[in-house]
Amino acid sequence: MNQNLSALMIGLAGATITLSAYSQTVVSSTQCITVGLLVLMFGLIVKEGFMSF
């Protein structure tokens, strides 16, 4: 899988986690948004080439 596709998949996972904060009750919405944003940041790091996945 190339670098752009990996970053896209990670970004979609992060967006899904972030948006699920409003519809789930397992963890608090603040924790869910924080984890989602961290996953999005990881996707950006992969996209920029600082880390390969």
PDB file of N, CA and C in Angstrom:
ATOM      1  N   MET A   1       0.861  -1.170   0.000  1.00  0.00           N
ATOM      2  CA  MET A   1       0.000   0.000   0.000  1.00  0.00           C
ATOM      3  C   MET A   1       0.911   1.238   0.000  1.00  0.00           C
ATOM      4  N   ASN A   2       0.614   2.192  -0.860  1.00  0.00           N
ATOM      5  CA  ASN A   2       1.480   3.361  -0.906  1.00  0.00           C
ATOM      6  C   ASN A   2       1.182   4.328   0.243  1.00  0.00           C
ATOM      7  N   GLN A   3       2.038   5.330   0.333  1.00  0.00           N
ATOM      8  CA  GLN A   3       1.999   6.256   1.471  1.00  0.00           C
ATOM      9  C   GLN A   3       0.702   7.061   1.507  1.00  0.00           C
ATOM     10  N   ASN A   4       0.228   7.516   0.353  1.00  0.00           N
ATOM     11  CA  ASN A   4      -0.998   8.316   0.319  1.00  0.00           C
ATOM     12  C   ASN A   4      -2.223   7.506   0.718  1.00  0.00           C
ATOM     13  N   LEU A   5      -2.289   6.268   0.262  1.00  0.00           N
ATOM     14  CA  LEU A   5      -3.431   5.426   0.607  1.00  0.00           C
ATOM     15  C   LEU A   5      -3.426   5.067   2.091  1.00  0.00           C
ATOM     16  N   SER A   6      -2.243   4.818   2.644  1.00  0.00           N
ATOM     17  CA  SER A   6      -2.140   4.543   4.083  1.00  0.00           C
ATOM     18  C   SER A   6      -2.609   5.741   4.891  1.00  0.00           C
ATOM     19  N   ALA A   7      -2.170   6.936   4.505  1.00  0.00           N
ATOM     20  CA  ALA A   7      -2.569   8.151   5.212  1.00  0.00           C
ATOM     21  C   ALA A   7      -4.075   8.376   5.090  1.00  0.00           C
ATOM     22  N   LEU A   8      -4.640   8.073   3.938  1.00  0.00           N
ATOM     23  CA  LEU A   8      -6.083   8.223   3.754  1.00  0.00           C
ATOM     24  C   LEU A   8      -6.852   7.284   4.673  1.00  0.00           C
ATOM     25  N   MET A   9      -6.432   6.035   4.748  1.00  0.00           N
ATOM     26  CA  MET A   9      -7.108   5.064   5.611  1.00  0.00           C
ATOM     27  C   MET A   9      -7.005   5.463   7.083  1.00  0.00           C
ATOM     28  N   ILE A  10      -5.832   5.923   7.499  1.00  0.00           N
ATOM     29  CA  ILE A  10      -5.658   6.369   8.887  1.00  0.00           C
ATOM     30  C   ILE A  10      -6.529   7.596   9.145  1.00  0.00           C
ATOM     31  N   GLY A  11      -6.583   8.505   8.196  1.00  0.00           N
ATOM     32  CA  GLY A  11      -7.411   9.701   8.347  1.00  0.00           C
ATOM     33  C   GLY A  11      -8.889   9.377   8.439  1.00  0.00           C
ATOM     34  N   LEU A  12      -9.334   8.439   7.640  1.00  0.00           N
ATOM     35  CA  LEU A  12     -10.738   8.032   7.710  1.00  0.00           C
ATOM     36  C   LEU A  12     -11.064   7.371   9.044  1.00  0.00           C
ATOM     37  N   ALA A  13     -10.123   6.587   9.557  1.00  0.00           N
ATOM     38  CA  ALA A  13     -10.331   5.973  10.874  1.00  0.00           C
ATOM     39  C   ALA A  13     -10.400   7.049  11.958  1.00  0.00           C
ATOM     40  N   GLY A  14      -9.517   8.036  11.884  1.00  0.00           N
ATOM     41  CA  GLY A  14      -9.534   9.125  12.864  1.00  0.00           C
ATOM     42  C   GLY A  14     -10.812   9.936  12.798  1.00  0.00           C
ATOM     43  N   ALA A  15     -11.278  10.210  11.585  1.00  0.00           N
ATOM     44  CA  ALA A  15     -12.524  10.962  11.431  1.00  0.00           C
ATOM     45  C   ALA A  15     -13.713  10.171  11.972  1.00  0.00           C
ATOM     46  N   THR A  16     -13.699   8.867  11.744  1.00  0.00           N
ATOM     47  CA  THR A  16     -14.779   8.017  12.256  1.00  0.00           C
ATOM     48  C   THR A  16     -14.793   8.011  13.775  1.00  0.00           C
ATOM     49  N   ILE A  17     -13.617   7.895  14.376  1.00  0.00           N
ATOM     50  CA  ILE A  17     -13.533   7.913  15.842  1.00  0.00           C
ATOM     51  C   ILE A  17     -14.013   9.252  16.382  1.00  0.00           C
ATOM     52  N   THR A  18     -13.580  10.345  15.746  1.00  0.00           N
ATOM     53  CA  THR A  18     -13.971  11.678  16.210  1.00  0.00           C
ATOM     54  C   THR A  18     -15.471  11.887  16.094  1.00  0.00           C
ATOM     55  N   LEU A  19     -16.047  11.501  14.964  1.00  0.00           N
ATOM     56  CA  LEU A  19     -17.484  11.706  14.771  1.00  0.00           C
ATOM     57  C   LEU A  19     -18.333  10.761  15.611  1.00  0.00           C
ATOM     58  N   SER A  20     -17.776   9.627  16.013  1.00  0.00           N
ATOM     59  CA  SER A  20     -18.553   8.698  16.834  1.00  0.00           C
ATOM     60  C   SER A  20     -18.702   9.190  18.270  1.00  0.00           C
ATOM     61  N   ALA A  21     -18.021  10.252  18.631  1.00  0.00           N
ATOM     62  CA  ALA A  21     -18.124  10.784  19.986  1.00  0.00           C
ATOM     63  C   ALA A  21     -19.546  11.227  20.306  1.00  0.00           C
ATOM     64  N   TYR A  22     -20.316  11.556  19.296  1.00  0.00           N
ATOM     65  CA  TYR A  22     -21.658  12.074  19.523  1.00  0.00           C
ATOM     66  C   TYR A  22     -22.716  10.988  19.562  1.00  0.00           C
ATOM     67  N   SER A  23     -22.338   9.745  19.206  1.00  0.00           N
ATOM     68  CA  SER A  23     -23.365   8.710  19.132  1.00  0.00           C
ATOM     69  C   SER A  23     -23.103   7.505  20.021  1.00  0.00           C
ATOM     70  N   GLN A  24     -21.990   7.483  20.749  1.00  0.00           N
ATOM     71  CA  GLN A  24     -21.697   6.327  21.588  1.00  0.00           C
ATOM     72  C   GLN A  24     -21.608   6.749  23.047  1.00  0.00           C
ATOM     73  N   THR A  25     -21.718   5.771  23.933  1.00  0.00           N
ATOM     74  CA  THR A  25     -21.710   6.074  25.371  1.00  0.00           C
ATOM     75  C   THR A  25     -20.667   5.256  26.133  1.00  0.00           C
ATOM     76  N   VAL A  26     -19.750   4.589  25.426  1.00  0.00           N
ATOM     77  CA  VAL A  26     -18.768   3.738  26.093  1.00  0.00           C
ATOM     78  C   VAL A  26     -17.728   4.579  26.826  1.00  0.00           C
ATOM     79  N   VAL A  27     -17.192   5.579  26.153  1.00  0.00           N
ATOM     80  CA  VAL A  27     -16.232   6.502  26.774  1.00  0.00           C
ATOM     81  C   VAL A  27     -16.783   7.914  26.641  1.00  0.00           C
ATOM     82  N   SER A  28     -16.195   8.854  27.355  1.00  0.00           N
ATOM     83  CA  SER A  28     -16.704  10.222  27.290  1.00  0.00           C
ATOM     84  C   SER A  28     -16.405  10.833  25.920  1.00  0.00           C
ATOM     85  N   SER A  29     -17.179  11.814  25.548  1.00  0.00           N
ATOM     86  CA  SER A  29     -17.000  12.431  24.241  1.00  0.00           C
ATOM     87  C   SER A  29     -15.655  13.146  24.142  1.00  0.00           C
ATOM     88  N   THR A  30     -15.162  13.696  25.249  1.00  0.00           N
ATOM     89  CA  THR A  30     -13.862  14.365  25.232  1.00  0.00           C
ATOM     90  C   THR A  30     -12.748  13.373  24.940  1.00  0.00           C
ATOM     91  N   GLN A  31     -12.804  12.205  25.557  1.00  0.00           N
ATOM     92  CA  GLN A  31     -11.793  11.183  25.301  1.00  0.00           C
ATOM     93  C   GLN A  31     -11.857  10.697  23.858  1.00  0.00           C
ATOM     94  N   CYS A  32     -13.049  10.538  23.341  1.00  0.00           N
ATOM     95  CA  CYS A  32     -13.223  10.050  21.982  1.00  0.00           C
ATOM     96  C   CYS A  32     -12.691  11.067  20.970  1.00  0.00           C
ATOM     97  N   ILE A  33     -12.971  12.335  21.182  1.00  0.00           N
ATOM     98  CA  ILE A  33     -12.477  13.379  20.290  1.00  0.00           C
ATOM     99  C   ILE A  33     -10.958  13.457  20.367  1.00  0.00           C
ATOM    100  N   THR A  34     -10.401  13.337  21.565  1.00  0.00           N
ATOM    101  CA  THR A  34      -8.947  13.387  21.732  1.00  0.00           C
ATOM    102  C   THR A  34      -8.270  12.238  20.993  1.00  0.00           C
ATOM    103  N   VAL A  35      -8.782  11.043  21.151  1.00  0.00           N
ATOM    104  CA  VAL A  35      -8.198   9.886  20.463  1.00  0.00           C
ATOM    105  C   VAL A  35      -8.334  10.050  18.951  1.00  0.00           C
ATOM    106  N   GLY A  36      -9.475  10.518  18.487  1.00  0.00           N
ATOM    107  CA  GLY A  36      -9.679  10.732  17.060  1.00  0.00           C
ATOM    108  C   GLY A  36      -8.714  11.739  16.482  1.00  0.00           C
ATOM    109  N   LEU A  37      -8.483  12.820  17.194  1.00  0.00           N
ATOM    110  CA  LEU A  37      -7.547  13.834  16.713  1.00  0.00           C
ATOM    111  C   LEU A  37      -6.112  13.326  16.728  1.00  0.00           C
ATOM    112  N   LEU A  38      -5.759  12.504  17.712  1.00  0.00           N
ATOM    113  CA  LEU A  38      -4.416  11.913  17.730  1.00  0.00           C
ATOM    114  C   LEU A  38      -4.218  10.972  16.541  1.00  0.00           C
ATOM    115  N   VAL A  39      -5.252  10.211  16.193  1.00  0.00           N
ATOM    116  CA  VAL A  39      -5.164   9.334  15.029  1.00  0.00           C
ATOM    117  C   VAL A  39      -5.030  10.165  13.750  1.00  0.00           C
ATOM    118  N   LEU A  40      -5.757  11.267  13.664  1.00  0.00           N
ATOM    119  CA  LEU A  40      -5.620  12.151  12.510  1.00  0.00           C
ATOM    120  C   LEU A  40      -4.214  12.732  12.407  1.00  0.00           C
ATOM    121  N   MET A  41      -3.635  13.100  13.548  1.00  0.00           N
ATOM    122  CA  MET A  41      -2.255  13.610  13.552  1.00  0.00           C
ATOM    123  C   MET A  41      -1.284  12.529  13.089  1.00  0.00           C
ATOM    124  N   PHE A  42      -1.515  11.280  13.496  1.00  0.00           N
ATOM    125  CA  PHE A  42      -0.677  10.175  13.048  1.00  0.00           C
ATOM    126  C   PHE A  42      -0.782  10.001  11.535  1.00  0.00           C
ATOM    127  N   GLY A  43      -1.984  10.143  10.993  1.00  0.00           N
ATOM    128  CA  GLY A  43      -2.170  10.078   9.546  1.00  0.00           C
ATOM    129  C   GLY A  43      -1.413  11.176   8.829  1.00  0.00           C
ATOM    130  N   LEU A  44      -1.386  12.368   9.403  1.00  0.00           N
ATOM    131  CA  LEU A  44      -0.635  13.472   8.815  1.00  0.00           C
ATOM    132  C   LEU A  44       0.865  13.196   8.835  1.00  0.00           C
ATOM    133  N   ILE A  45       1.346  12.611   9.921  1.00  0.00           N
ATOM    134  CA  ILE A  45       2.764  12.267  10.016  1.00  0.00           C
ATOM    135  C   ILE A  45       3.132  11.241   8.955  1.00  0.00           C
ATOM    136  N   VAL A  46       2.263  10.260   8.738  1.00  0.00           N
ATOM    137  CA  VAL A  46       2.510   9.263   7.699  1.00  0.00           C
ATOM    138  C   VAL A  46       2.486   9.914   6.325  1.00  0.00           C
ATOM    139  N   LYS A  47       1.528  10.809   6.086  1.00  0.00           N
ATOM    140  CA  LYS A  47       1.395  11.480   4.802  1.00  0.00           C
ATOM    141  C   LYS A  47       2.613  12.317   4.480  1.00  0.00           C
ATOM    142  N   GLU A  48       3.161  12.994   5.473  1.00  0.00           N
ATOM    143  CA  GLU A  48       4.317  13.869   5.243  1.00  0.00           C
ATOM    144  C   GLU A  48       5.620  13.084   5.117  1.00  0.00           C
ATOM    145  N   GLY A  49       5.598  11.813   5.423  1.00  0.00           N
ATOM    146  CA  GLY A  49       6.770  10.982   5.232  1.00  0.00           C
ATOM    147  C   GLY A  49       7.703  10.899   6.418  1.00  0.00           C
ATOM    148  N   PHE A  50       7.302  11.405   7.567  1.00  0.00           N
ATOM    149  CA  PHE A  50       8.137  11.321   8.751  1.00  0.00           C
ATOM    150  C   PHE A  50       8.176   9.914   9.317  1.00  0.00           C
ATOM    151  N   MET A  51       7.130   9.128   9.008  1.00  0.00           N
ATOM    152  CA  MET A  51       7.043   7.761   9.489  1.00  0.00           C
ATOM    153  C   MET A  51       6.370   6.932   8.405  1.00  0.00           C
ATOM    154  N   SER A  52       6.875   5.746   8.179  1.00  0.00           N
ATOM    155  CA  SER A  52       6.234   4.881   7.186  1.00  0.00           C
ATOM    156  C   SER A  52       5.385   3.846   7.918  1.00  0.00           C
ATOM    157  N   PHE A  53       4.312   3.452   7.260  1.00  0.00           N
ATOM    158  CA  PHE A  53       3.387   2.512   7.878  1.00  0.00           C
ATOM    159  C   PHE A  53       3.185   1.332   6.980  1.00  0.00           C
TER     160      PHE A  53
END
